[in-house]
């Protein structure tokens, strides 16, 4: 009797696993295809979900032309995105020294148009000063005890790149833009499936409110 009970439990477990595996392709088929952003004038954004669990993303708004790719899973009417881009790696420190007064961030890039509009957060405990780089890629503030600098490019906003400077005797920090700047972070981002369309949010691309992607 004990042996029969164990066999029944094993059979039930196998049935559950097979049911789950059978369900996965069906869930993936629900989202396979292309989806276009709706509701934001002059902004173009699209997802493409492939049958092999990969996705591509494109985004155009003004001077900002961006992309992303990675893999996805489908769980309980949600698409979960696992993008290839690592967060907080868009700026690389290339030089630091003592120069002038205050704390200075300098941006270096071959494209002069990208030197401006880098938003710099200078942080000391609970205090934060915000400054944007000018046409020469320079932003300077007076914060003698600055502990951390966070950088976001205004043309390509994403998760900030953070650099700790607490205890550093230098006050001039030059950063180079990395190729990842134009890509978008999708780190475990969830999209809701509803009536065949997708709904989700990204504060850096679309603001606080959820947006709709309509299946083509």
Protein backbone atom coordinates (compact mmCIF):
# COMPACT_ATOMS: atom_id res chain seq x y z
CA UNK A 1 0.00 0.00 0.00
CA UNK A 2 2.88 2.34 0.89
CA UNK A 3 4.55 1.64 -2.46
CA UNK A 4 1.31 2.37 -4.35
CA UNK A 5 0.89 5.69 -2.47
CA UNK A 6 4.45 6.74 -3.37
CA UNK A 7 3.79 5.88 -7.03
CA UNK A 8 0.63 7.99 -7.00
CA UNK A 9 2.52 10.95 -5.50
CA UNK A 10 5.28 10.60 -8.09
CA UNK A 11 2.73 10.43 -10.89
CA UNK A 12 0.97 13.54 -9.57
CA UNK A 13 4.28 15.41 -9.41
CA UNK A 14 5.19 14.39 -12.95
CA UNK A 15 1.77 15.48 -14.19
CA UNK A 16 2.23 18.90 -12.58
CA UNK A 17 5.67 19.36 -14.19
CA UNK A 18 4.41 18.32 -17.61
CA UNK A 19 1.46 20.66 -17.24
CA UNK A 20 3.78 23.55 -16.42
CA UNK A 21 6.06 22.80 -19.37
CA UNK A 22 3.05 22.57 -21.68
CA UNK A 23 1.73 25.88 -20.40
CA UNK A 24 4.98 27.81 -21.00
CA UNK A 25 4.90 27.73 -24.84
CA UNK A 26 1.23 28.69 -24.74
CA UNK A 27 2.02 31.70 -22.55
CA UNK A 28 4.92 32.71 -24.78
CA UNK A 29 2.70 32.48 -27.86
CA UNK A 30 0.38 34.99 -26.20
CA UNK A 31 3.01 37.72 -26.47
CA UNK A 32 5.05 36.77 -29.54
CA UNK A 33 4.96 39.62 -32.07
CA UNK A 34 5.40 43.40 -32.26
CA UNK A 35 3.90 46.04 -29.99
CA UNK A 36 3.84 49.82 -30.56
CA UNK A 37 3.56 52.61 -27.98
CA UNK A 38 0.27 54.53 -27.93
CA UNK A 39 -0.70 57.81 -26.29
CA UNK A 40 2.48 59.93 -26.23
CA UNK A 41 2.74 62.42 -29.14
CA UNK A 42 6.01 62.56 -31.12
CA UNK A 43 7.42 59.54 -29.26
CA UNK A 44 8.01 56.23 -31.03
CA UNK A 45 8.69 53.02 -29.10
CA UNK A 46 8.31 49.36 -30.05
CA UNK A 47 8.86 45.92 -28.58
CA UNK A 48 9.41 42.76 -30.59
CA UNK A 49 8.99 39.46 -28.74
CA UNK A 50 10.38 36.39 -30.47
CA UNK A 51 9.42 32.74 -30.02
CA UNK A 52 12.92 31.92 -28.69
CA UNK A 53 12.29 34.10 -25.61
CA UNK A 54 14.37 37.03 -26.85
CA UNK A 55 13.16 40.60 -27.28
CA UNK A 56 14.23 43.82 -29.00
CA UNK A 57 13.21 47.36 -28.07
CA UNK A 58 13.56 50.64 -29.97
CA UNK A 59 12.79 54.18 -28.86
CA UNK A 60 12.92 57.55 -30.65
CA UNK A 61 12.05 60.88 -29.06
CA UNK A 62 13.56 64.14 -30.25
CA UNK A 63 17.34 63.77 -30.40
CA UNK A 64 17.21 60.54 -28.39
CA UNK A 65 17.49 57.31 -30.40
CA UNK A 66 17.76 54.25 -28.17
CA UNK A 67 17.52 50.47 -28.13
CA UNK A 68 17.64 47.40 -25.92
CA UNK A 69 17.63 43.63 -26.22
CA UNK A 70 17.57 40.63 -23.94
CA UNK A 71 15.37 37.72 -22.90
CA UNK A 72 11.90 37.47 -21.40
CA UNK A 73 9.69 35.11 -19.46
CA UNK A 74 5.91 35.01 -19.07
CA UNK A 75 4.37 34.42 -15.64
CA UNK A 76 0.76 34.92 -14.56
CA UNK A 77 -0.20 37.41 -17.30
CA UNK A 78 3.04 39.33 -16.91
CA UNK A 79 5.98 39.64 -19.28
CA UNK A 80 9.24 39.90 -17.32
CA UNK A 81 12.14 41.50 -19.19
CA UNK A 82 15.77 40.61 -18.58
CA UNK A 83 17.76 43.14 -20.60
CA UNK A 84 21.42 42.74 -21.49
CA UNK A 85 22.47 46.20 -20.26
CA UNK A 86 24.04 46.50 -16.80
CA UNK A 87 22.67 49.44 -14.82
CA UNK A 88 24.81 52.37 -13.60
CA UNK A 89 27.66 51.91 -16.09
CA UNK A 90 27.10 54.74 -18.61
CA UNK A 91 30.00 56.96 -17.46
CA UNK A 92 33.63 55.97 -16.94
CA UNK A 93 36.01 57.96 -14.75
CA UNK A 94 39.09 58.80 -16.84
CA UNK A 95 40.83 61.50 -14.79
CA UNK A 96 40.75 63.04 -11.32
CA UNK A 97 42.90 65.82 -9.87
CA UNK A 98 42.90 69.00 -7.81
CA UNK A 99 41.93 72.03 -9.87
CA UNK A 100 40.27 75.34 -8.97
CA UNK A 101 37.54 75.72 -6.38
CA UNK A 102 34.45 73.65 -5.64
CA UNK A 103 33.66 70.21 -7.02
CA UNK A 104 33.80 69.91 -10.82
CA UNK A 105 32.48 67.26 -13.18
CA UNK A 106 33.86 67.30 -16.70
CA UNK A 107 32.46 65.23 -19.60
CA UNK A 108 34.71 64.08 -22.45
CA UNK A 109 33.39 62.82 -25.79
CA UNK A 110 34.16 63.20 -29.50
CA UNK A 111 30.60 64.41 -30.11
CA UNK A 112 30.41 67.99 -28.79
CA UNK A 113 26.59 67.81 -28.77
CA UNK A 114 26.74 65.22 -25.99
CA UNK A 115 28.87 67.30 -23.61
CA UNK A 116 25.94 69.40 -22.40
CA UNK A 117 22.83 68.36 -20.47
CA UNK A 118 24.48 65.80 -18.21
CA UNK A 119 22.58 66.12 -14.92
CA UNK A 120 24.99 65.91 -11.97
CA UNK A 121 23.81 65.19 -8.41
CA UNK A 122 26.35 66.20 -5.76
CA UNK A 123 25.44 64.48 -2.49
CA UNK A 124 26.44 65.00 1.14
CA UNK A 125 24.37 62.95 3.58
CA UNK A 126 20.80 64.25 3.10
CA UNK A 127 21.83 67.32 1.10
CA UNK A 128 21.89 67.29 -2.71
CA UNK A 129 22.95 69.95 -5.18
CA UNK A 130 21.97 69.55 -8.85
CA UNK A 131 23.82 71.05 -11.81
CA UNK A 132 23.87 70.41 -15.57
CA UNK A 133 26.98 70.44 -17.70
CA UNK A 134 27.34 73.39 -20.08
CA UNK A 135 28.39 73.36 -23.74
CA UNK A 136 31.96 72.59 -22.68
CA UNK A 137 30.88 69.63 -20.57
CA UNK A 138 31.53 71.35 -17.22
CA UNK A 139 29.42 71.48 -14.05
CA UNK A 140 30.77 72.98 -10.80
CA UNK A 141 29.20 73.39 -7.35
CA UNK A 142 30.39 74.41 -3.91
CA UNK A 143 30.06 71.44 -1.56
CA UNK A 144 33.28 70.97 0.47
CA UNK A 145 32.16 67.67 2.04
CA UNK A 146 30.67 66.08 -1.09
CA UNK A 147 30.55 62.30 -0.66
CA UNK A 148 29.08 61.09 -3.93
CA UNK A 149 28.41 62.18 -7.50
CA UNK A 150 25.58 60.69 -9.58
CA UNK A 151 25.30 61.26 -13.34
CA UNK A 152 22.39 60.99 -15.76
CA UNK A 153 22.52 62.17 -19.37
CA UNK A 154 19.54 64.37 -20.23
CA UNK A 155 19.33 62.94 -23.77
CA UNK A 156 19.60 59.32 -22.59
CA UNK A 157 18.16 59.16 -19.05
CA UNK A 158 18.53 55.87 -17.21
CA UNK A 159 19.60 54.49 -13.83
CA UNK A 160 22.26 56.96 -12.52
CA UNK A 161 25.96 56.17 -12.58
CA UNK A 162 27.31 56.73 -9.08
CA UNK A 163 30.87 57.56 -8.02
CA UNK A 164 31.95 57.78 -4.37
CA UNK A 165 34.33 60.65 -3.55
CA UNK A 166 34.12 60.73 0.26
CA UNK A 167 37.60 61.35 1.65
CA UNK A 168 39.01 62.01 -1.82
CA UNK A 169 41.38 64.99 -1.84
CA UNK A 170 40.72 65.64 -5.54
CA UNK A 171 37.94 67.98 -6.67
CA UNK A 172 37.99 67.63 -10.48
CA UNK A 173 36.54 64.48 -12.02
CA UNK A 174 36.40 63.83 -15.76
CA UNK A 175 34.11 61.16 -17.16
CA UNK A 176 33.89 59.61 -20.63
CA UNK A 177 30.59 58.48 -22.14
CA UNK A 178 30.37 54.73 -22.68
CA UNK A 179 28.66 53.10 -25.71
CA UNK A 180 26.00 51.67 -23.37
CA UNK A 181 24.63 55.21 -22.90
CA UNK A 182 22.13 54.85 -25.76
CA UNK A 183 20.83 51.50 -24.52
CA UNK A 184 18.00 51.12 -22.00
CA UNK A 185 18.08 49.11 -18.77
CA UNK A 186 15.34 46.48 -18.45
CA UNK A 187 16.35 44.73 -15.23
CA UNK A 188 13.47 42.44 -14.27
CA UNK A 189 10.95 44.98 -15.62
CA UNK A 190 7.36 43.70 -15.69
CA UNK A 191 4.72 44.38 -18.34
CA UNK A 192 1.09 43.45 -17.70
CA UNK A 193 -0.80 41.51 -20.37
CA UNK A 194 -4.38 42.77 -20.79
CA UNK A 195 -6.73 42.26 -23.74
CA UNK A 196 -3.82 41.25 -25.96
CA UNK A 197 -1.83 44.43 -25.27
CA UNK A 198 0.96 45.28 -22.83
CA UNK A 199 1.04 47.85 -20.04
CA UNK A 200 4.03 49.01 -18.04
CA UNK A 201 6.14 51.95 -16.95
CA UNK A 202 9.68 53.27 -17.05
CA UNK A 203 10.24 56.49 -15.14
CA UNK A 204 13.27 57.42 -17.27
CA UNK A 205 11.47 57.01 -20.62
CA UNK A 206 7.78 57.64 -19.98
CA UNK A 207 7.49 59.30 -16.57
CA UNK A 208 5.48 57.95 -13.63
CA UNK A 209 2.30 56.87 -15.41
CA UNK A 210 1.92 53.42 -17.03
CA UNK A 211 1.90 53.35 -20.84
CA UNK A 212 0.23 51.08 -23.37
CA UNK A 213 1.86 48.99 -26.09
CA UNK A 214 -0.65 47.80 -28.70
CA UNK A 215 -0.03 44.57 -30.60
CA UNK A 216 0.29 45.05 -34.36
